[in-house]
């Protein structure tokens, strides 16, 4: 009876191992945080850019809602197309691997043994390991070690699209809600910038924690890039305001 393949590795203290489904979940979480980050910057930048052109509160609200709707659907659609293409490629690679395993078994054993040799394993041990792995689950062994894929964890384009839509919308609602406050335009812009900066601190912190990186640098980098984008958008609006004499 074939031995069950170990699906996880016990990490040393202070280390993070993400394998299989855990890595997939981490990637979706990171993508969700980045989507929210895009929503914050895109919607805030659009509103501030329109404000730089001297528009009234109603125009700011319309611009914000338009940016939120267009950005959310654009991200969802782009993610669906991109992930669908990647999934099709992964399926094609797995189909090719199945054919090779059926028709070129000995060559596939040699190939897997060579892969193990590149990791520092002696030729004899590498061949023994390849034979054992292939007799346990040949497709899984070649998918993970040769292709870098988990045949049981292929990405889902619909999940990716939905995740992008929700994360972008969630992030974009933060500056948009402040645009709805019944206060003068200057106060609205100040509130949007402050809210966006705080939200960017949070997304930078979460992103760094998910990746095990230094959160101080991540937060500063995230906030500076976001505020820089909003400043550039405001300057563009100001240029149009000056050019049209509004």
Protein backbone atom coordinates (compact mmCIF):
# COMPACT_ATOMS: atom_id res chain seq x y z
CA UNK A 1 0.00 0.00 0.00
CA UNK A 2 1.40 3.38 -1.01
CA UNK A 3 2.46 5.73 1.74
CA UNK A 4 0.53 8.97 2.15
CA UNK A 5 2.40 12.02 0.91
CA UNK A 6 3.28 14.50 3.63
CA UNK A 7 1.44 17.74 2.86
CA UNK A 8 3.21 20.03 5.32
CA UNK A 9 6.58 20.61 6.92
CA UNK A 10 7.07 21.52 10.59
CA UNK A 11 8.91 24.86 10.59
CA UNK A 12 11.72 25.82 12.94
CA UNK A 13 10.92 28.47 15.56
CA UNK A 14 10.66 31.90 13.92
CA UNK A 15 10.15 30.49 10.43
CA UNK A 16 7.09 30.58 8.19
CA UNK A 17 6.32 27.68 5.87
CA UNK A 18 3.42 28.01 3.44
CA UNK A 19 2.77 24.91 1.39
CA UNK A 20 -0.16 23.82 -0.75
CA UNK A 21 -3.49 25.18 0.45
CA UNK A 22 -1.86 27.39 3.09
CA UNK A 23 0.21 29.16 0.43
CA UNK A 24 -2.89 29.60 -1.72
CA UNK A 25 -4.82 31.15 1.16
CA UNK A 26 -1.92 33.47 1.96
CA UNK A 27 -1.76 34.60 -1.66
CA UNK A 28 -5.49 35.40 -1.68
CA UNK A 29 -5.17 37.36 1.56
CA UNK A 30 -2.24 39.33 0.19
CA UNK A 31 -4.11 39.98 -3.06
CA UNK A 32 -7.12 41.17 -1.07
CA UNK A 33 -5.00 43.62 0.91
CA UNK A 34 -3.40 44.94 -2.29
CA UNK A 35 -6.85 45.27 -3.89
CA UNK A 36 -8.06 47.34 -0.95
CA UNK A 37 -4.92 49.42 -1.22
CA UNK A 38 -5.64 50.10 -4.91
CA UNK A 39 -9.21 51.06 -4.06
CA UNK A 40 -8.09 53.58 -1.45
CA UNK A 41 -5.52 55.25 -3.69
CA UNK A 42 -7.57 55.16 -6.92
CA UNK A 43 -10.78 56.61 -5.50
CA UNK A 44 -9.03 59.14 -3.26
CA UNK A 45 -6.75 60.20 -6.11
CA UNK A 46 -9.69 60.65 -8.48
CA UNK A 47 -11.66 62.75 -6.00
CA UNK A 48 -8.66 64.91 -5.15
CA UNK A 49 -7.74 65.30 -8.81
CA UNK A 50 -11.23 66.56 -9.60
CA UNK A 51 -11.05 68.85 -6.57
CA UNK A 52 -7.84 70.32 -7.96
CA UNK A 53 -9.80 71.36 -11.04
CA UNK A 54 -12.06 73.44 -8.83
CA UNK A 55 -15.18 71.29 -9.00
CA UNK A 56 -18.01 71.39 -6.46
CA UNK A 57 -19.01 68.74 -3.92
CA UNK A 58 -21.50 67.12 -6.29
CA UNK A 59 -18.80 66.68 -8.92
CA UNK A 60 -16.49 65.13 -6.33
CA UNK A 61 -19.16 62.62 -5.35
CA UNK A 62 -19.89 61.70 -8.96
CA UNK A 63 -16.17 61.28 -9.66
CA UNK A 64 -15.76 59.13 -6.56
CA UNK A 65 -18.66 56.81 -7.39
CA UNK A 66 -17.50 56.53 -11.01
CA UNK A 67 -13.95 55.69 -9.92
CA UNK A 68 -15.26 53.10 -7.45
CA UNK A 69 -17.52 51.38 -9.98
CA UNK A 70 -15.04 51.45 -12.85
CA UNK A 71 -12.12 50.36 -10.69
CA UNK A 72 -13.96 47.49 -9.00
CA UNK A 73 -15.32 46.03 -12.23
CA UNK A 74 -12.06 46.62 -14.05
CA UNK A 75 -10.05 44.81 -11.39
CA UNK A 76 -12.53 41.95 -11.21
CA UNK A 77 -12.61 41.54 -14.97
CA UNK A 78 -8.85 41.80 -15.32
CA UNK A 79 -8.30 39.30 -12.53
CA UNK A 80 -10.79 36.86 -14.05
CA UNK A 81 -9.13 36.99 -17.48
CA UNK A 82 -5.62 36.76 -16.04
CA UNK A 83 -6.38 33.88 -13.68
CA UNK A 84 -8.40 32.02 -16.32
CA UNK A 85 -5.40 32.16 -18.64
CA UNK A 86 -3.11 30.95 -15.87
CA UNK A 87 -5.51 28.12 -14.98
CA UNK A 88 -5.73 27.04 -18.64
CA UNK A 89 -1.93 26.98 -18.78
CA UNK A 90 -1.71 24.91 -15.60
CA UNK A 91 -4.27 22.41 -16.93
CA UNK A 92 -2.40 22.12 -20.22
CA UNK A 93 0.85 21.46 -18.37
CA UNK A 94 -0.79 18.79 -16.22
CA UNK A 95 -2.37 17.14 -19.27
CA UNK A 96 1.05 17.05 -20.93
CA UNK A 97 2.55 15.56 -17.80
CA UNK A 98 -0.13 12.85 -17.67
CA UNK A 99 0.64 11.92 -21.28
CA UNK A 100 4.37 11.74 -20.57
CA UNK A 101 3.82 9.59 -17.50
CA UNK A 102 1.70 7.21 -19.54
CA UNK A 103 3.99 7.00 -22.55
CA UNK A 104 7.51 7.88 -21.29
CA UNK A 105 7.67 6.45 -17.77
CA UNK A 106 11.41 5.72 -17.71
CA UNK A 107 12.27 9.16 -19.07
CA UNK A 108 10.10 10.74 -16.38
CA UNK A 109 11.90 8.76 -13.68
CA UNK A 110 15.23 10.02 -15.00
CA UNK A 111 13.90 13.58 -15.16
CA UNK A 112 12.66 13.56 -11.57
CA UNK A 113 15.91 11.99 -10.36
CA UNK A 114 17.87 14.77 -12.10
CA UNK A 115 15.69 17.36 -10.38
CA UNK A 116 16.51 15.82 -7.02
CA UNK A 117 20.21 15.75 -7.95
CA UNK A 118 20.14 19.52 -8.52
CA UNK A 119 19.09 19.83 -4.87
CA UNK A 120 22.31 18.15 -3.74
CA UNK A 121 21.12 14.54 -3.52
CA UNK A 122 23.50 11.85 -4.76
CA UNK A 123 22.52 10.17 -8.09
CA UNK A 124 21.76 6.80 -6.50
CA UNK A 125 19.66 8.27 -3.69
CA UNK A 126 17.95 10.66 -6.12
CA UNK A 127 16.88 7.80 -8.37
CA UNK A 128 15.58 5.79 -5.40
CA UNK A 129 13.63 8.83 -4.19
CA UNK A 130 12.23 9.45 -7.67
CA UNK A 131 11.04 5.87 -8.02
CA UNK A 132 9.41 5.91 -4.60
CA UNK A 133 7.73 9.28 -5.20
CA UNK A 134 6.40 8.21 -8.58
CA UNK A 135 5.05 4.91 -7.32
CA UNK A 136 3.26 6.83 -4.56
CA UNK A 137 1.77 9.58 -6.76
CA UNK A 138 3.63 10.21 -10.02
CA UNK A 139 1.55 13.18 -11.15
CA UNK A 140 1.81 14.92 -7.79
CA UNK A 141 5.57 14.36 -7.65
CA UNK A 142 6.17 15.82 -11.11
CA UNK A 143 3.62 18.62 -10.69
CA UNK A 144 5.17 19.88 -7.47
CA UNK A 145 8.87 19.27 -8.14
CA UNK A 146 8.99 19.84 -11.90
CA UNK A 147 6.19 22.32 -12.58
CA UNK A 148 5.83 23.99 -9.19
CA UNK A 149 2.08 23.23 -9.14
CA UNK A 150 -0.26 21.50 -6.73
CA UNK A 151 -2.71 19.55 -8.95
CA UNK A 152 -5.25 19.58 -6.11
CA UNK A 153 -5.09 23.37 -5.60
CA UNK A 154 -5.54 24.99 -9.02
CA UNK A 155 -6.56 28.63 -8.85
CA UNK A 156 -10.21 29.61 -9.36
CA UNK A 157 -10.79 32.64 -11.65
CA UNK A 158 -14.25 33.36 -10.20
CA UNK A 159 -12.89 33.45 -6.66
CA UNK A 160 -10.10 35.73 -7.79
CA UNK A 161 -12.52 38.09 -9.54
CA UNK A 162 -14.89 38.22 -6.57
CA UNK A 163 -12.02 38.79 -4.14
CA UNK A 164 -10.66 41.66 -6.23
CA UNK A 165 -14.10 43.24 -6.58
CA UNK A 166 -14.83 43.11 -2.85
CA UNK A 167 -11.37 44.25 -1.75
CA UNK A 168 -11.25 47.19 -4.19
CA UNK A 169 -14.78 48.25 -3.21
CA UNK A 170 -13.97 48.02 0.49
CA UNK A 171 -10.89 50.17 0.11
CA UNK A 172 -12.57 52.65 -2.23
CA UNK A 173 -15.49 53.20 0.13
CA UNK A 174 -13.19 54.72 2.74
CA UNK A 175 -12.40 57.98 0.87
CA UNK A 176 -15.81 57.99 -0.80
CA UNK A 177 -17.68 58.05 2.52
CA UNK A 178 -15.73 61.11 3.58
CA UNK A 179 -16.65 62.80 0.30
CA UNK A 180 -20.29 62.53 1.39
CA UNK A 181 -19.76 64.59 4.56
CA UNK A 182 -21.75 67.86 4.52
CA UNK A 183 -18.73 70.09 4.99
CA UNK A 184 -16.85 72.57 2.73
CA UNK A 185 -14.74 71.15 -0.09
CA UNK A 186 -11.45 71.99 1.64
CA UNK A 187 -12.51 70.11 4.75
CA UNK A 188 -13.64 67.20 2.61
CA UNK A 189 -10.25 66.91 0.94
CA UNK A 190 -8.41 67.10 4.27
CA UNK A 191 -10.61 64.36 5.71
CA UNK A 192 -10.11 62.17 2.63
CA UNK A 193 -6.32 62.53 2.78
CA UNK A 194 -6.20 61.76 6.51
CA UNK A 195 -8.55 58.77 6.18
CA UNK A 196 -6.63 57.43 3.19
CA UNK A 197 -3.32 57.79 5.06
CA UNK A 198 -4.66 55.86 8.06
CA UNK A 199 -6.12 53.17 5.81
CA UNK A 200 -2.83 52.88 3.93
CA UNK A 201 -1.05 52.43 7.26
CA UNK A 202 -3.36 49.52 8.00
CA UNK A 203 -2.98 47.83 4.59
CA UNK A 204 0.79 48.30 4.73
CA UNK A 205 0.90 46.76 8.19
CA UNK A 206 -1.28 43.77 7.24
CA UNK A 207 0.67 43.18 4.03
CA UNK A 208 3.98 43.18 5.91
CA UNK A 209 2.65 40.82 8.60
CA UNK A 210 1.40 38.37 5.96
CA UNK A 211 4.82 38.33 4.32
CA UNK A 212 6.83 38.34 7.55
CA UNK A 213 8.56 41.59 6.56
CA UNK A 214 9.52 44.70 8.55
CA UNK A 215 6.20 46.51 9.01
CA UNK A 216 7.80 49.90 9.71
CA UNK A 217 9.29 50.13 6.23
CA UNK A 218 6.17 48.69 4.63
CA UNK A 219 3.88 51.26 6.28
CA UNK A 220 6.10 54.23 5.43
CA UNK A 221 6.52 53.05 1.83
CA UNK A 222 2.80 52.41 1.40
CA UNK A 223 1.71 55.74 2.84
CA UNK A 224 4.32 57.75 0.92
CA UNK A 225 3.41 56.13 -2.39
CA UNK A 226 -0.32 56.66 -1.76
CA UNK A 227 0.05 60.28 -0.71
CA UNK A 228 2.40 60.89 -3.64
CA UNK A 229 -0.21 59.53 -6.03
CA UNK A 230 -2.91 61.76 -4.54
CA UNK A 231 -0.61 64.79 -4.75
CA UNK A 232 0.11 64.09 -8.41
CA UNK A 233 -3.61 63.72 -9.13
CA UNK A 234 -4.30 67.06 -7.41
CA UNK A 235 -1.55 68.77 -9.45
CA UNK A 236 -3.04 67.39 -12.68
CA UNK A 237 -6.43 68.80 -11.70
CA UNK A 238 -4.81 72.11 -10.78
CA UNK A 239 -3.17 72.32 -14.20
CA UNK A 240 -6.52 71.85 -15.93
CA UNK A 241 -8.10 74.39 -13.59
CA UNK A 242 -5.41 76.95 -14.46
CA UNK A 243 -5.52 76.17 -18.19
CA UNK A 244 -9.30 76.61 -18.39
CA UNK A 245 -9.37 79.62 -16.07
CA UNK A 246 -12.02 77.98 -13.88
